[in-house]
Amino acid sequence: MNKVCSLDAALGRVKPGDTVMVGGFGVPGTPFTLLNGLLQGGVNELTVVKNEANEDHMGISKLIEAGLVRKIITTHLGLNKTVIGMMNRGEVEVEFYPQGILAEKIRAGGAGLFGLLTDIGMDTELLSSTKQTMWFEGRELIVESAIKADVALVHAAKADRFGNLVYAKSAMNFNPIMATAATTVIAEVEELVEIGDLEPEHVHTPGAFVDHVVLLEELSEEYGILEHHII
């Protein structure tokens, strides 16, 4: 099966109101080309799940600044003054989780679970009136529901035509778990090889989880190391 297709054909699966998971931890692993295509398509009312909002005027921040995102589920916005301002003005809804909890909620969604139990946030402001708790093994714990999505957008270093994905270095962050927790998975890849060219033990996301593969023609400047991050 050949899952390679054009950017427009792949992003045609994203509809207004969808929940979209976006891989990446800062720049590494963020699918900037897919996000730029989504921006051009103008699909709105999105709920975006991402570790952070990237920095001002790049990545998912472009979608948020363009008013295409209704809600972001994330761990922090500390690198993005623009989105913080939008949150404070009520222009975008933000739902925060500790980073490990967000990862586990996605992992639970991908495993077919309904949720998980944790003591993270007990006796703090994180335990809002909307949080359910339950007693388990003599302790009161928070019930965190699993997160699933309509679409996941991920970036991989290499793929074959069936969609077996290989991530590079620190780009292997949220991408593997998000690829298991979405109905449709779209992967942008830097290199495409034929089926059978990847050693099975080198595959991080099996092609069974991937619906569409988009080969990048080039890597834009967004994929590079940010100058102010250089020590």
Protein backbone atom coordinates (compact mmCIF):
# COMPACT_ATOMS: atom_id res chain seq x y z
CA MET A 1 0.00 0.00 0.00
CA ASN A 2 1.36 3.39 -0.99
CA LYS A 3 0.31 6.14 1.47
CA VAL A 4 2.37 8.92 -0.11
CA CYS A 5 0.21 11.83 -1.21
CA SER A 6 0.26 15.58 -1.70
CA LEU A 7 0.10 18.08 1.14
CA ASP A 8 -3.32 19.32 0.04
CA ALA A 9 -4.76 15.82 -0.24
CA ALA A 10 -3.56 14.86 3.24
CA LEU A 11 -4.74 18.06 4.93
CA GLY A 12 -8.12 17.67 3.26
CA ARG A 13 -8.87 15.24 6.12
CA VAL A 14 -8.84 18.11 8.65
CA LYS A 15 -12.28 19.60 9.18
CA PRO A 16 -13.56 22.66 11.11
CA GLY A 17 -14.01 21.84 14.79
CA ASP A 18 -11.55 18.93 14.75
CA THR A 19 -9.20 18.10 17.62
CA VAL A 20 -5.68 18.08 16.18
CA MET A 21 -2.63 16.68 17.97
CA VAL A 22 0.66 18.25 16.90
CA GLY A 23 3.94 16.56 17.69
CA GLY A 24 7.10 18.35 18.67
CA PHE A 25 8.85 19.77 21.70
CA GLY A 26 9.74 23.30 20.70
CA VAL A 27 11.25 23.03 17.22
CA PRO A 28 12.38 19.35 17.23
CA GLY A 29 9.64 17.15 15.83
CA THR A 30 7.22 19.97 15.00
CA PRO A 31 5.60 19.48 11.54
CA PHE A 32 6.00 23.07 10.35
CA THR A 33 5.12 22.36 6.71
CA LEU A 34 1.85 20.64 7.67
CA LEU A 35 1.02 23.53 10.00
CA ASN A 36 1.73 26.11 7.28
CA GLY A 37 -0.54 24.14 4.95
CA LEU A 38 -3.26 24.09 7.58
CA LEU A 39 -2.89 27.85 7.96
CA GLN A 40 -3.32 28.37 4.22
CA GLY A 41 -6.39 26.12 4.22
CA GLY A 42 -8.07 28.28 6.85
CA VAL A 43 -9.74 25.40 8.72
CA ASN A 44 -11.04 26.94 11.95
CA GLU A 45 -12.59 26.18 15.35
CA LEU A 46 -9.76 23.73 16.01
CA THR A 47 -8.78 22.28 19.37
CA VAL A 48 -5.00 21.80 19.27
CA VAL A 49 -3.08 19.45 21.58
CA LYS A 50 0.63 20.29 21.76
CA ASN A 51 3.28 20.37 24.44
CA GLU A 52 3.67 24.12 23.97
CA ALA A 53 2.54 26.85 21.58
CA ASN A 54 5.92 27.17 19.85
CA GLU A 55 7.29 30.69 19.90
CA ASP A 56 5.66 33.83 18.56
CA HIS A 57 4.84 33.75 14.83
CA MET A 58 5.93 30.15 14.18
CA GLY A 59 4.37 26.68 14.26
CA ILE A 60 0.97 26.45 15.91
CA SER A 61 1.31 30.05 17.07
CA LYS A 62 0.50 31.07 13.48
CA LEU A 63 -2.77 29.14 13.65
CA ILE A 64 -3.66 30.67 17.01
CA GLU A 65 -2.74 34.20 15.92
CA ALA A 66 -4.89 33.75 12.78
CA GLY A 67 -7.90 32.91 14.95
CA LEU A 68 -8.17 29.33 13.68
CA VAL A 69 -7.77 27.73 17.13
CA ARG A 70 -10.63 27.78 19.63
CA LYS A 71 -8.77 25.90 22.37
CA ILE A 72 -5.25 24.66 23.08
CA ILE A 73 -4.49 21.80 25.47
CA THR A 74 -0.89 22.21 26.56
CA THR A 75 1.71 22.25 29.34
CA HIS A 76 2.98 25.83 29.11
CA LEU A 77 2.99 29.01 27.01
CA GLY A 78 6.03 30.60 28.57
CA LEU A 79 7.91 31.07 25.30
CA ASN A 80 5.06 32.84 23.53
CA LYS A 81 4.04 36.32 24.70
CA THR A 82 1.57 36.69 21.83
CA VAL A 83 -0.50 33.64 22.81
CA ILE A 84 -0.27 34.51 26.52
CA GLY A 85 -1.81 37.88 25.66
CA MET A 86 -4.56 36.21 23.62
CA MET A 87 -5.30 33.86 26.52
CA ASN A 88 -5.52 36.75 28.97
CA ARG A 89 -7.89 38.62 26.64
CA GLY A 90 -10.09 35.55 26.28
CA GLU A 91 -9.33 35.17 22.57
CA VAL A 92 -8.26 31.54 22.94
CA GLU A 93 -9.18 28.96 25.58
CA VAL A 94 -6.23 27.23 27.24
CA GLU A 95 -6.25 23.99 29.25
CA PHE A 96 -3.01 23.32 31.14
CA TYR A 97 -1.59 20.02 32.38
CA PRO A 98 1.76 19.02 33.85
CA GLN A 99 3.90 17.68 31.02
CA GLY A 100 3.98 14.10 32.26
CA ILE A 101 0.22 14.05 32.77
CA LEU A 102 -0.41 15.37 29.26
CA ALA A 103 1.84 12.66 27.83
CA GLU A 104 0.12 9.95 29.86
CA LYS A 105 -3.37 11.18 28.89
CA ILE A 106 -2.38 10.89 25.22
CA ARG A 107 -0.70 7.52 25.81
CA ALA A 108 -3.90 6.31 27.51
CA GLY A 109 -5.97 7.45 24.55
CA GLY A 110 -3.71 5.57 22.19
CA ALA A 111 -3.93 2.42 24.32
CA GLY A 112 -7.72 2.45 24.27
CA LEU A 113 -8.04 3.36 27.95
CA PHE A 114 -10.61 5.78 29.32
CA GLY A 115 -8.21 7.52 31.70
CA LEU A 116 -5.69 7.23 34.50
CA LEU A 117 -5.33 7.91 38.22
CA THR A 118 -2.72 10.27 39.63
CA ASP A 119 -1.85 12.22 42.76
CA ILE A 120 -0.27 15.01 40.67
CA GLY A 121 -2.20 18.16 41.47
CA MET A 122 -3.83 16.98 44.70
CA ASP A 123 -4.05 19.78 47.28
CA THR A 124 -3.16 22.41 44.64
CA GLU A 125 -5.06 24.83 42.40
CA LEU A 126 -4.82 22.21 39.63
CA LEU A 127 -7.58 20.30 41.42
CA SER A 128 -10.45 22.43 40.16
CA SER A 129 -14.10 21.84 40.87
CA THR A 130 -14.40 20.10 37.52
CA LYS A 131 -11.90 17.36 38.44
CA GLN A 132 -13.26 14.00 39.53
CA THR A 133 -11.49 12.17 42.35
CA MET A 134 -11.81 8.62 43.65
CA TRP A 135 -10.36 6.48 46.44
CA PHE A 136 -7.98 3.72 45.33
CA GLU A 137 -5.77 1.59 47.58
CA GLY A 138 -6.46 3.88 50.51
CA ARG A 139 -5.64 7.15 48.72
CA GLU A 140 -7.75 9.85 47.13
CA LEU A 141 -6.58 10.35 43.54
CA ILE A 142 -7.48 12.54 40.56
CA VAL A 143 -9.18 10.88 37.60
CA GLU A 144 -7.59 12.20 34.40
CA SER A 145 -9.48 11.30 31.25
CA ALA A 146 -7.64 10.02 28.18
CA ILE A 147 -7.14 12.34 25.22
CA LYS A 148 -7.85 11.27 21.65
CA ALA A 149 -7.92 13.34 18.47
CA ASP A 150 -9.47 13.43 15.04
CA VAL A 151 -6.09 14.08 13.43
CA ALA A 152 -2.42 13.88 14.46
CA LEU A 153 0.27 15.80 12.58
CA VAL A 154 3.79 14.46 13.10
CA HIS A 155 7.27 15.04 11.69
CA ALA A 156 9.62 12.14 10.97
CA ALA A 157 13.12 11.94 9.58
CA LYS A 158 12.41 8.96 7.36
CA ALA A 159 9.50 6.83 6.17
CA ASP A 160 8.70 4.13 3.68
CA ARG A 161 5.68 4.24 1.40
CA PHE A 162 3.58 2.21 3.85
CA GLY A 163 4.11 4.86 6.54
CA ASN A 164 6.62 3.16 8.83
CA LEU A 165 8.25 6.13 10.57
CA VAL A 166 11.70 6.81 11.98
CA TYR A 167 12.21 9.87 14.20
CA ALA A 168 15.58 11.54 14.72
CA LYS A 169 17.16 12.32 18.10
CA SER A 170 15.07 14.67 20.28
CA ALA A 171 12.36 14.85 17.61
CA MET A 172 11.25 11.57 19.16
CA ASN A 173 9.15 13.27 21.81
CA PHE A 174 5.36 13.46 21.56
CA ASN A 175 5.21 12.15 17.97
CA PRO A 176 5.13 8.38 18.74
CA ILE A 177 2.31 8.55 21.28
CA MET A 178 0.24 11.03 19.27
CA ALA A 179 0.43 8.73 16.25
CA THR A 180 -1.43 6.09 18.29
CA ALA A 181 -4.15 8.39 19.66
CA ALA A 182 -5.73 9.90 16.55
CA THR A 183 -8.26 8.65 14.01
CA THR A 184 -6.19 10.00 11.12
CA VAL A 185 -2.40 10.36 11.23
CA ILE A 186 -0.55 12.55 8.73
CA ALA A 187 3.25 12.38 8.70
CA GLU A 188 5.57 14.81 6.94
CA VAL A 189 8.93 13.18 6.27
CA GLU A 190 12.37 14.35 5.23
CA GLU A 191 13.33 11.16 3.38
CA LEU A 192 11.25 8.51 1.64
CA VAL A 193 12.47 4.95 1.05
CA GLU A 194 10.91 1.88 -0.49
CA ILE A 195 8.99 -0.71 1.52
CA GLY A 196 11.48 -3.17 2.95
CA ASP A 197 14.38 -0.71 3.14
CA LEU A 198 13.82 0.04 6.86
CA GLU A 199 15.12 -2.43 9.40
CA PRO A 200 12.11 -3.43 11.57
CA GLU A 201 13.97 -2.67 14.81
CA HIS A 202 14.61 0.89 13.59
CA VAL A 203 10.90 1.72 13.10
CA HIS A 204 9.48 3.93 15.88
CA THR A 205 5.88 4.20 14.60
CA PRO A 206 4.57 1.22 12.60
CA GLY A 207 2.82 2.10 9.37
CA ALA A 208 -0.43 0.59 10.64
CA PHE A 209 -0.92 3.80 12.64
CA VAL A 210 -0.21 6.14 9.70
CA ASP A 211 -2.72 7.16 7.02
CA HIS A 212 -0.86 9.68 4.88
CA VAL A 213 2.81 10.41 4.16
CA VAL A 214 3.87 13.79 2.77
CA LEU A 215 7.43 14.06 1.48
CA LEU A 216 9.04 17.43 2.26
CA GLU A 217 10.63 19.10 -0.74
CA GLU A 218 12.91 21.14 1.51
CA LEU A 219 13.39 22.12 5.13
CA SER A 220 12.54 25.76 5.72
CA GLU A 221 14.38 27.96 8.22
CA GLU A 222 11.75 27.09 10.84
CA TYR A 223 13.32 23.64 11.23
CA GLY A 224 16.70 25.12 12.19
CA ILE A 225 18.15 25.88 15.59
CA LEU A 226 16.79 29.15 16.95
CA GLU A 227 19.62 31.63 17.31
CA HIS A 228 18.60 32.76 20.81
CA HIS A 229 18.73 29.13 21.98
CA ILE A 230 22.45 28.89 21.23
CA ILE A 231 24.51 29.08 24.42
